[in-house]
C-alpha atoms as a PDB file:
ATOM      1  CA  MET A   1     124.342 147.613 135.660  1.00  0.00           C
ATOM      2  CA  ARG A   2     127.067 145.970 134.883  1.00  0.00           C
ATOM      3  CA  THR A   3     128.769 146.148 131.657  1.00  0.00           C
ATOM      4  CA  ILE A   4     130.947 143.526 129.428  1.00  0.00           C
ATOM      5  CA  THR A   5     132.439 144.865 126.650  1.00  0.00           C
ATOM      6  CA  ASN A   6     134.873 143.139 123.887  1.00  0.00           C
ATOM      7  CA  LEU A   7     134.679 139.649 124.975  1.00  0.00           C
ATOM      8  CA  THR A   8     134.191 136.288 123.337  1.00  0.00           C
ATOM      9  CA  PHE A   9     131.955 133.364 124.786  1.00  0.00           C
ATOM     10  CA  ASP A  10     131.674 129.885 123.280  1.00  0.00           C
ATOM     11  CA  GLU A  11     131.037 127.826 126.617  1.00  0.00           C
ATOM     12  CA  GLU A  12     127.537 126.386 127.680  1.00  0.00           C
ATOM     13  CA  ARG A  13     125.362 128.911 129.217  1.00  0.00           C
ATOM     14  CA  ALA A  14     127.894 131.545 129.356  1.00  0.00           C
ATOM     15  CA  LEU A  15     126.038 134.260 131.217  1.00  0.00           C
ATOM     16  CA  TYR A  16     123.227 131.843 132.619  1.00  0.00           C
ATOM     17  CA  GLY A  17     121.013 133.562 135.403  1.00  0.00           C
ATOM     18  CA  GLU A  18     122.700 137.157 135.168  1.00  0.00           C
ATOM     19  CA  ARG A  19     120.551 140.280 135.866  1.00  0.00           C
ATOM     20  CA  ASP A  20     120.946 143.878 135.333  1.00  0.00           C
ATOM     21  CA  ILE A  21     124.017 143.401 132.650  1.00  0.00           C
ATOM     22  CA  ILE A  22     124.967 145.405 129.613  1.00  0.00           C
ATOM     23  CA  VAL A  23     126.854 143.738 126.758  1.00  0.00           C
ATOM     24  CA  LYS A  24     128.810 145.397 124.319  1.00  0.00           C
ATOM     25  CA  ASP A  25     130.654 144.509 121.028  1.00  0.00           C
ATOM     26  CA  CYS A  26     130.963 140.627 122.013  1.00  0.00           C
ATOM     27  CA  ARG A  27     131.019 137.681 120.129  1.00  0.00           C
ATOM     28  CA  PHE A  28     129.161 134.468 121.059  1.00  0.00           C
ATOM     29  CA  ASP A  29     131.278 131.967 118.964  1.00  0.00           C
ATOM     30  CA  GLY A  30     133.951 129.579 118.979  1.00  0.00           C
ATOM     31  CA  PRO A  31     135.258 125.874 119.466  1.00  0.00           C
ATOM     32  CA  ALA A  32     133.544 125.059 122.363  1.00  0.00           C
ATOM     33  CA  ASP A  33     130.160 125.477 120.552  1.00  0.00           C
ATOM     34  CA  GLY A  34     128.423 126.246 123.800  1.00  0.00           C
ATOM     35  CA  GLU A  35     124.431 126.546 123.912  1.00  0.00           C
ATOM     36  CA  SER A  36     122.137 129.089 125.830  1.00  0.00           C
ATOM     37  CA  ALA A  37     124.354 132.127 126.363  1.00  0.00           C
ATOM     38  CA  PHE A  38     121.638 134.034 128.153  1.00  0.00           C
ATOM     39  CA  LYS A  39     119.150 131.623 129.307  1.00  0.00           C
ATOM     40  CA  GLU A  40     117.134 132.578 132.751  1.00  0.00           C
ATOM     41  CA  CYS A  41     118.210 135.976 132.433  1.00  0.00           C
ATOM     42  CA  ALA A  42     116.561 139.365 133.461  1.00  0.00           C
ATOM     43  CA  ASN A  43     117.415 143.113 132.571  1.00  0.00           C
ATOM     44  CA  VAL A  44     119.780 142.600 129.742  1.00  0.00           C
ATOM     45  CA  THR A  45     121.022 144.836 126.991  1.00  0.00           C
ATOM     46  CA  ALA A  46     122.889 143.591 124.322  1.00  0.00           C
ATOM     47  CA  GLU A  47     124.371 146.419 121.835  1.00  0.00           C
ATOM     48  CA  LYS A  48     126.338 145.391 118.812  1.00  0.00           C
ATOM     49  CA  CYS A  49     126.928 141.941 119.399  1.00  0.00           C
ATOM     50  CA  PHE A  50     127.599 138.661 117.400  1.00  0.00           C
ATOM     51  CA  PHE A  51     125.432 135.566 118.004  1.00  0.00           C
ATOM     52  CA  ASN A  52     126.629 132.405 116.047  1.00  0.00           C
ATOM     53  CA  LEU A  53     125.730 129.687 118.742  1.00  0.00           C
ATOM     54  CA  ARG A  54     122.345 128.139 119.327  1.00  0.00           C
ATOM     55  CA  TYR A  55     119.766 129.537 121.766  1.00  0.00           C
ATOM     56  CA  PRO A  56     120.901 132.455 123.202  1.00  0.00           C
ATOM     57  CA  PHE A  57     117.924 133.968 125.090  1.00  0.00           C
ATOM     58  CA  TRP A  58     115.459 131.314 126.420  1.00  0.00           C
ATOM     59  CA  HIS A  59     113.101 132.250 129.227  1.00  0.00           C
ATOM     60  CA  ASP A  60     114.215 135.861 129.870  1.00  0.00           C
ATOM     61  CA  LYS A  61     112.836 139.054 130.653  1.00  0.00           C
ATOM     62  CA  ASN A  62     113.204 142.620 129.680  1.00  0.00           C
ATOM     63  CA  LEU A  63     115.759 142.101 126.987  1.00  0.00           C
ATOM     64  CA  LYS A  64     116.765 144.917 124.671  1.00  0.00           C
ATOM     65  CA  ILE A  65     118.834 144.150 121.574  1.00  0.00           C
ATOM     66  CA  SER A  66     120.466 146.421 118.998  1.00  0.00           C
ATOM     67  CA  GLY A  67     122.719 146.742 116.080  1.00  0.00           C
ATOM     68  CA  SER A  68     123.588 143.114 116.166  1.00  0.00           C
ATOM     69  CA  GLU A  69     123.742 139.745 113.925  1.00  0.00           C
ATOM     70  CA  MET A  70     122.507 136.376 114.772  1.00  0.00           C
ATOM     71  CA  THR A  71     123.627 133.988 111.967  1.00  0.00           C
ATOM     72  CA  GLU A  72     122.242 130.971 110.150  1.00  0.00           C
ATOM     73  CA  LEU A  73     123.743 128.974 113.417  1.00  0.00           C
ATOM     74  CA  CYS A  74     122.053 131.157 115.679  1.00  0.00           C
ATOM     75  CA  ARG A  75     118.789 128.690 115.755  1.00  0.00           C
ATOM     76  CA  ALA A  76     115.580 129.181 118.055  1.00  0.00           C
ATOM     77  CA  ALA A  77     117.364 132.583 119.345  1.00  0.00           C
ATOM     78  CA  LEU A  78     114.431 133.760 121.403  1.00  0.00           C
ATOM     79  CA  TRP A  79     111.967 131.175 122.996  1.00  0.00           C
ATOM     80  CA  TYR A  80     109.684 131.651 126.234  1.00  0.00           C
ATOM     81  CA  SER A  81     110.952 135.241 126.686  1.00  0.00           C
ATOM     82  CA  HIS A  82     108.783 138.604 127.477  1.00  0.00           C
ATOM     83  CA  ASP A  83     109.516 142.178 127.407  1.00  0.00           C
ATOM     84  CA  ILE A  84     111.624 142.372 124.319  1.00  0.00           C
ATOM     85  CA  GLU A  85     112.900 145.304 121.955  1.00  0.00           C
ATOM     86  CA  ILE A  86     115.000 144.383 118.914  1.00  0.00           C
ATOM     87  CA  ALA A  87     116.228 147.156 117.072  1.00  0.00           C
ATOM     88  CA  ASP A  88     118.424 147.497 113.840  1.00  0.00           C
ATOM     89  CA  THR A  89     119.367 143.513 113.670  1.00  0.00           C
ATOM     90  CA  ARG A  90     119.654 140.900 111.839  1.00  0.00           C
ATOM     91  CA  LEU A  91     117.892 137.452 112.692  1.00  0.00           C
ATOM     92  CA  HIS A  92     119.095 135.103 110.003  1.00  0.00           C
ATOM     93  CA  GLY A  93     118.804 131.637 112.051  1.00  0.00           C
ATOM     94  CA  ILE A  94     115.640 129.385 111.778  1.00  0.00           C
ATOM     95  CA  LYS A  95     112.971 129.721 114.345  1.00  0.00           C
ATOM     96  CA  ALA A  96     114.169 132.968 115.755  1.00  0.00           C
ATOM     97  CA  LEU A  97     111.122 133.956 117.713  1.00  0.00           C
ATOM     98  CA  ARG A  98     108.772 131.590 119.481  1.00  0.00           C
ATOM     99  CA  GLU A  99     106.327 131.840 122.692  1.00  0.00           C
ATOM    100  CA  CYS A 100     107.408 135.056 123.570  1.00  0.00           C
ATOM    101  CA  GLY A 101     105.243 138.077 124.690  1.00  0.00           C
ATOM    102  CA  ASN A 102     105.276 141.666 124.352  1.00  0.00           C
ATOM    103  CA  VAL A 103     108.086 142.164 121.598  1.00  0.00           C
ATOM    104  CA  VAL A 104     108.759 145.339 119.605  1.00  0.00           C
ATOM    105  CA  MET A 105     110.797 145.054 116.614  1.00  0.00           C
ATOM    106  CA  ARG A 106     112.466 148.038 114.811  1.00  0.00           C
ATOM    107  CA  ASN A 107     114.483 148.293 111.504  1.00  0.00           C
ATOM    108  CA  CYS A 108     115.318 144.249 111.546  1.00  0.00           C
ATOM    109  CA  ASP A 109     115.980 142.094 108.925  1.00  0.00           C
ATOM    110  CA  ILE A 110     114.728 138.806 109.470  1.00  0.00           C
ATOM    111  CA  ILE A 111     115.543 135.498 107.361  1.00  0.00           C
ATOM    112  CA  SER A 112     114.157 132.777 109.431  1.00  0.00           C
ATOM    113  CA  PRO A 113     111.924 129.657 108.710  1.00  0.00           C
ATOM    114  CA  GLU A 114     109.049 129.290 111.292  1.00  0.00           C
ATOM    115  CA  PHE A 115     109.401 132.605 112.686  1.00  0.00           C
ATOM    116  CA  GLY A 116     107.186 133.813 115.281  1.00  0.00           C
ATOM    117  CA  TRP A 117     104.798 131.026 116.000  1.00  0.00           C
ATOM    118  CA  SER A 118     102.583 131.322 119.283  1.00  0.00           C
ATOM    119  CA  VAL A 119     103.580 134.908 120.069  1.00  0.00           C
ATOM    120  CA  SER A 120     101.296 137.486 121.903  1.00  0.00           C
ATOM    121  CA  GLY A 121     101.812 140.757 121.363  1.00  0.00           C
ATOM    122  CA  LEU A 122     104.350 141.745 118.601  1.00  0.00           C
ATOM    123  CA  GLU A 123     104.832 145.184 117.339  1.00  0.00           C
ATOM    124  CA  MET A 124     106.693 144.982 114.001  1.00  0.00           C
ATOM    125  CA  ILE A 125     107.859 148.424 112.286  1.00  0.00           C
ATOM    126  CA  ASP A 126     110.125 149.099 109.381  1.00  0.00           C
ATOM    127  CA  CYS A 127     111.080 145.538 109.105  1.00  0.00           C
ATOM    128  CA  THR A 128     111.905 143.303 106.210  1.00  0.00           C
ATOM    129  CA  ALA A 129     111.367 139.388 106.354  1.00  0.00           C
ATOM    130  CA  GLU A 130     111.645 135.994 104.631  1.00  0.00           C
ATOM    131  CA  SER A 131     110.243 132.939 105.926  1.00  0.00           C
ATOM    132  CA  GLU A 132     107.801 129.853 105.699  1.00  0.00           C
ATOM    133  CA  TYR A 133     105.070 129.340 108.057  1.00  0.00           C
ATOM    134  CA  PHE A 134     105.490 133.289 109.130  1.00  0.00           C
ATOM    135  CA  MET A 135     103.974 133.855 112.662  1.00  0.00           C
ATOM    136  CA  MET A 136     101.607 131.039 112.988  1.00  0.00           C
ATOM    137  CA  ARG A 137      99.101 130.846 115.547  1.00  0.00           C
ATOM    138  CA  SER A 138     100.072 134.383 117.192  1.00  0.00           C
ATOM    139  CA  THR A 139      97.855 136.872 118.444  1.00  0.00           C
ATOM    140  CA  ASN A 140      97.739 140.621 119.030  1.00  0.00           C
ATOM    141  CA  LEU A 141     100.091 141.607 115.965  1.00  0.00           C
ATOM    142  CA  GLN A 142     100.568 145.109 114.792  1.00  0.00           C
ATOM    143  CA  PHE A 143     102.735 145.375 111.664  1.00  0.00           C
ATOM    144  CA  LYS A 144     103.545 148.863 109.888  1.00  0.00           C
ATOM    145  CA  ASN A 145     105.954 149.517 106.962  1.00  0.00           C
ATOM    146  CA  VAL A 146     106.742 145.661 106.762  1.00  0.00           C
ATOM    147  CA  ARG A 147     107.777 144.048 103.612  1.00  0.00           C
ATOM    148  CA  PHE A 148     107.495 140.113 103.633  1.00  0.00           C
ATOM    149  CA  LYS A 149     108.484 137.304 101.086  1.00  0.00           C
ATOM    150  CA  GLY A 150     107.439 133.682 101.738  1.00  0.00           C
ATOM    151  CA  LYS A 151     104.936 131.112 101.973  1.00  0.00           C
ATOM    152  CA  TYR A 152     101.890 129.924 104.632  1.00  0.00           C
ATOM    153  CA  SER A 153     102.194 133.334 106.287  1.00  0.00           C
ATOM    154  CA  PHE A 154      99.751 134.440 109.193  1.00  0.00           C
ATOM    155  CA  GLN A 155      97.887 131.350 109.748  1.00  0.00           C
ATOM    156  CA  TYR A 156      95.792 130.854 112.741  1.00  0.00           C
ATOM    157  CA  ILE A 157      96.690 134.708 114.026  1.00  0.00           C
ATOM    158  CA  GLU A 158      94.031 136.694 115.795  1.00  0.00           C
ATOM    159  CA  ASN A 159      93.308 140.180 116.882  1.00  0.00           C
ATOM    160  CA  SER A 160      96.014 141.675 114.529  1.00  0.00           C
ATOM    161  CA  THR A 161      96.328 144.722 112.241  1.00  0.00           C
ATOM    162  CA  PHE A 162      98.600 145.593 109.297  1.00  0.00           C
ATOM    163  CA  GLU A 163      99.248 148.792 107.590  1.00  0.00           C
ATOM    164  CA  ASN A 164     101.505 149.896 104.667  1.00  0.00           C
ATOM    165  CA  CYS A 165     102.851 146.593 104.185  1.00  0.00           C
ATOM    166  CA  VAL A 166     103.913 144.463 101.383  1.00  0.00           C
ATOM    167  CA  PHE A 167     103.131 140.843 101.551  1.00  0.00           C
ATOM    168  CA  ASP A 168     104.359 138.439  98.733  1.00  0.00           C
ATOM    169  CA  THR A 169     103.029 135.084  99.954  1.00  0.00           C
ATOM    170  CA  LYS A 170     100.517 132.429  99.480  1.00  0.00           C
ATOM    171  CA  ASP A 171      98.432 130.920 101.772  1.00  0.00           C
ATOM    172  CA  ALA A 172      98.159 133.805 103.901  1.00  0.00           C
ATOM    173  CA  PHE A 173      95.686 134.443 106.555  1.00  0.00           C
ATOM    174  CA  TRP A 174      94.345 130.971 106.631  1.00  0.00           C
ATOM    175  CA  HIS A 175      92.277 130.531 109.542  1.00  0.00           C
ATOM    176  CA  ALA A 176      92.641 134.183 110.803  1.00  0.00           C
ATOM    177  CA  LYS A 177      90.248 135.983 113.090  1.00  0.00           C
ATOM    178  CA  ASN A 178      89.740 139.413 113.908  1.00  0.00           C
ATOM    179  CA  VAL A 179      92.317 141.088 111.513  1.00  0.00           C
ATOM    180  CA  ILE A 180      92.662 144.282 109.962  1.00  0.00           C
ATOM    181  CA  VAL A 181      94.908 145.103 106.633  1.00  0.00           C
ATOM    182  CA  LYS A 182      95.045 148.533 105.598  1.00  0.00           C
ATOM    183  CA  ASN A 183      96.763 150.392 102.653  1.00  0.00           C
ATOM    184  CA  SER A 184      98.608 147.373 101.847  1.00  0.00           C
ATOM    185  CA  VAL A 185      99.524 145.020  98.799  1.00  0.00           C
ATOM    186  CA  VAL A 186      98.774 141.187  99.254  1.00  0.00           C
ATOM    187  CA  LYS A 187     100.190 139.180  96.286  1.00  0.00           C
ATOM    188  CA  GLY A 188      99.824 135.528  96.310  1.00  0.00           C
ATOM    189  CA  GLU A 189      97.470 132.344  95.739  1.00  0.00           C
ATOM    190  CA  TYR A 190      94.769 131.271  97.840  1.00  0.00           C
ATOM    191  CA  LEU A 191      94.532 134.326 100.275  1.00  0.00           C
ATOM    192  CA  ALA A 192      92.910 133.872 103.453  1.00  0.00           C
ATOM    193  CA  TRP A 193      90.749 130.606 103.021  1.00  0.00           C
ATOM    194  CA  TYR A 194      88.548 129.716 106.006  1.00  0.00           C
ATOM    195  CA  CYS A 195      89.016 133.287 107.726  1.00  0.00           C
ATOM    196  CA  GLU A 196      86.894 134.995 110.078  1.00  0.00           C
ATOM    197  CA  ASN A 197      86.240 138.641 110.563  1.00  0.00           C
ATOM    198  CA  VAL A 198      88.848 139.879 108.438  1.00  0.00           C
ATOM    199  CA  THR A 199      88.490 143.196 106.882  1.00  0.00           C
ATOM    200  CA  PHE A 200      90.703 144.532 103.757  1.00  0.00           C
ATOM    201  CA  GLU A 201      90.716 148.121 103.386  1.00  0.00           C
ATOM    202  CA  ASN A 202      92.430 150.045 100.871  1.00  0.00           C
ATOM    203  CA  CYS A 203      94.440 147.260 100.033  1.00  0.00           C
ATOM    204  CA  LYS A 204      95.781 145.817  96.349  1.00  0.00           C
ATOM    205  CA  ILE A 205      94.926 142.002  96.255  1.00  0.00           C
ATOM    206  CA  ILE A 206      96.991 140.091  93.763  1.00  0.00           C
ATOM    207  CA  GLY A 207      96.491 136.318  92.830  1.00  0.00           C
ATOM    208  CA  THR A 208      94.600 133.243  92.073  1.00  0.00           C
ATOM    209  CA  GLN A 209      91.744 132.058  93.874  1.00  0.00           C
ATOM    210  CA  PRO A 210      91.678 134.525  96.915  1.00  0.00           C
ATOM    211  CA  LEU A 211      89.137 134.859  99.947  1.00  0.00           C
ATOM    212  CA  CYS A 212      87.189 131.431  99.787  1.00  0.00           C
ATOM    213  CA  TYR A 213      85.226 129.763 102.742  1.00  0.00           C
ATOM    214  CA  CYS A 214      85.255 133.044 104.636  1.00  0.00           C
ATOM    215  CA  LYS A 215      82.837 134.240 107.394  1.00  0.00           C
ATOM    216  CA  GLY A 216      82.327 137.871 108.013  1.00  0.00           C
ATOM    217  CA  LEU A 217      85.050 139.247 105.446  1.00  0.00           C
ATOM    218  CA  LYS A 218      84.879 142.565 104.380  1.00  0.00           C
ATOM    219  CA  LEU A 219      86.554 144.734 101.824  1.00  0.00           C
ATOM    220  CA  ILE A 220      86.609 148.015 101.420  1.00  0.00           C
ATOM    221  CA  ASN A 221      87.906 150.309  98.190  1.00  0.00           C
ATOM    222  CA  CYS A 222      90.212 147.327  97.297  1.00  0.00           C
ATOM    223  CA  GLU A 223      91.585 146.584  93.917  1.00  0.00           C
ATOM    224  CA  MET A 224      91.897 143.133  92.699  1.00  0.00           C
ATOM    225  CA  ILE A 225      94.238 142.241  90.071  1.00  0.00           C
ATOM    226  CA  ASP A 226      94.460 138.966  88.181  1.00  0.00           C
ATOM    227  CA  THR A 227      92.144 137.209  90.905  1.00  0.00           C
ATOM    228  CA  ASP A 228      89.939 134.514  89.323  1.00  0.00           C
ATOM    229  CA  LEU A 229      87.305 132.128  91.309  1.00  0.00           C
ATOM    230  CA  CYS A 230      87.072 134.614  94.105  1.00  0.00           C
ATOM    231  CA  PHE A 231      85.021 134.241  97.200  1.00  0.00           C
ATOM    232  CA  GLU A 232      83.719 130.961  96.799  1.00  0.00           C
ATOM    233  CA  LYS A 233      81.562 129.798  99.582  1.00  0.00           C
ATOM    234  CA  SER A 234      82.312 133.118 101.442  1.00  0.00           C
ATOM    235  CA  GLU A 235      80.009 135.467 103.639  1.00  0.00           C
ATOM    236  CA  VAL A 236      81.085 138.835 102.118  1.00  0.00           C
ATOM    237  CA  GLU A 237      80.710 142.287 102.081  1.00  0.00           C
ATOM    238  CA  ALA A 238      83.048 143.659  99.514  1.00  0.00           C
ATOM    239  CA  CYS A 239      83.586 147.095  97.410  1.00  0.00           C
ATOM    240  CA  VAL A 240      86.081 146.527  94.812  1.00  0.00           C
ATOM    241  CA  ILE A 241      87.220 149.270  92.399  1.00  0.00           C
ATOM    242  CA  THR A 242      88.883 147.187  89.861  1.00  0.00           C
ATOM    243  CA  PRO A 243      87.417 144.812  87.367  1.00  0.00           C
ATOM    244  CA  ILE A 244      87.368 140.869  88.945  1.00  0.00           C
ATOM    245  CA  VAL A 245      88.282 138.197  86.788  1.00  0.00           C
ATOM    246  CA  SER A 246      85.764 135.466  87.976  1.00  0.00           C
ATOM    247  CA  VAL A 247      83.628 134.920  91.109  1.00  0.00           C
ATOM    248  CA  LYS A 248      82.382 131.640  92.203  1.00  0.00           C
ATOM    249  CA  ASN A 249      79.417 130.712  94.068  1.00  0.00           C
ATOM    250  CA  PRO A 250      79.741 133.577  96.961  1.00  0.00           C
ATOM    251  CA  LEU A 251      77.695 132.236  99.907  1.00  0.00           C
ATOM    252  CA  SER A 252      75.812 135.463 101.014  1.00  0.00           C
ATOM    253  CA  GLY A 253      76.510 139.090 101.092  1.00  0.00           C
ATOM    254  CA  HIS A 254      77.284 141.426  98.522  1.00  0.00           C
ATOM    255  CA  ILE A 255      80.081 142.084  95.877  1.00  0.00           C
ATOM    256  CA  TYR A 256      80.192 145.510  94.128  1.00  0.00           C
ATOM    257  CA  ALA A 257      82.699 145.681  91.213  1.00  0.00           C
ATOM    258  CA  PRO A 258      83.017 147.643  87.918  1.00  0.00           C
ATOM    259  CA  ASP A 259      83.010 144.635  86.432  1.00  0.00           C
ATOM    260  CA  VAL A 260      83.307 140.706  86.551  1.00  0.00           C
ATOM    261  CA  GLY A 261      84.440 138.600  83.685  1.00  0.00           C
ATOM    262  CA  GLU A 262      82.499 135.642  84.693  1.00  0.00           C
ATOM    263  CA  ILE A 263      80.190 134.878  87.393  1.00  0.00           C
ATOM    264  CA  ILE A 264      80.027 131.062  88.431  1.00  0.00           C
ATOM    265  CA  ARG A 265      76.705 129.749  89.605  1.00  0.00           C
ATOM    266  CA  ASP A 266      76.938 125.684  89.959  1.00  0.00           C
ATOM    267  CA  ASP A 267      75.794 125.439  93.657  1.00  0.00           C
ATOM    268  CA  ASP A 268      72.215 126.217  94.724  1.00  0.00           C
ATOM    269  CA  ASN A 269      73.537 127.556  98.185  1.00  0.00           C
ATOM    270  CA  SER A 270      75.634 130.467  96.599  1.00  0.00           C
ATOM    271  CA  ARG A 271      72.987 133.518  97.498  1.00  0.00           C
ATOM    272  CA  GLY A 272      75.662 136.222  97.533  1.00  0.00           C
ATOM    273  CA  GLU A 273      74.664 139.301  94.860  1.00  0.00           C
ATOM    274  CA  VAL A 274      77.229 140.318  92.375  1.00  0.00           C
ATOM    275  CA  ILE A 275      76.123 143.993  91.455  1.00  0.00           C
ATOM    276  CA  ILE A 276      77.906 145.491  88.496  1.00  0.00           C
ATOM    277  CA  CYS A 277      78.073 149.073  89.367  1.00  0.00           C
ATOM    278  CA  GLY A 278      80.625 150.969  87.161  1.00  0.00           C
ATOM    279  CA  GLU A 279      83.073 153.427  88.314  1.00  0.00           C
ATOM    280  CA  CYS A 280      81.528 154.660  91.192  1.00  0.00           C
ATOM    281  CA  CYS A 281      80.372 151.265  93.309  1.00  0.00           C
ATOM    282  CA  CYS A 282      82.324 152.462  96.446  1.00  0.00           C
ATOM    283  CA  ALA A 283      80.548 155.953  96.428  1.00  0.00           C
END
């Protein structure tokens, strides 16, 4: 492995096509304003680097990035790349991760609209994120201890799990398929409409009109706070351990709760049962 240290690069494709390199304490910044510093590279380690130019990592393989900063000007930082590890790094440019595969992120800070589109295989641990349209159309996600704030997150995702997370987001999990959310807080409006085979277990769900038009929806031992007009036209099996403000026209299945403020039935096709069962409905 060749090591490059304490240099500044601002030219176009500064390290294009390089293999087997370690880049330490380098800056990608300057008046030449060059793009695509590491395009078509393989076996690259970047440590404590500063990225202030566009498109640094495209079509790369076997990347390790740690202790680094990608500024607001470092847009579309990682596209079409595979086998990536990112740790202790700030990713603050728009569209920071797209069309990538086999990615692990640990202890990262993400501020990036349209982050993570069409990614296959992302493990995210102990990270924070702010975004819009976060992780859209991605598959095989594994999130643990992630805090997210934004809008329109996890739309059209598939085959994913989330544990011990806090999501403050509206329109989350729309059209999601085969997803499990455990021991998490999900706050926001219009949660998981049109989803299929999605399970919430030991979760706190907060906000208006959640979980409508769903298929194969399950809630296990969940709290629902300030949730009105829930489960409209959904196929649902739900065990809720807190009162629900209102339930509207569940299509089929069973909803167990200690209390429901209002049950709205104005659709002849609404056959889902709402069962008031006191404090022990999940026993």
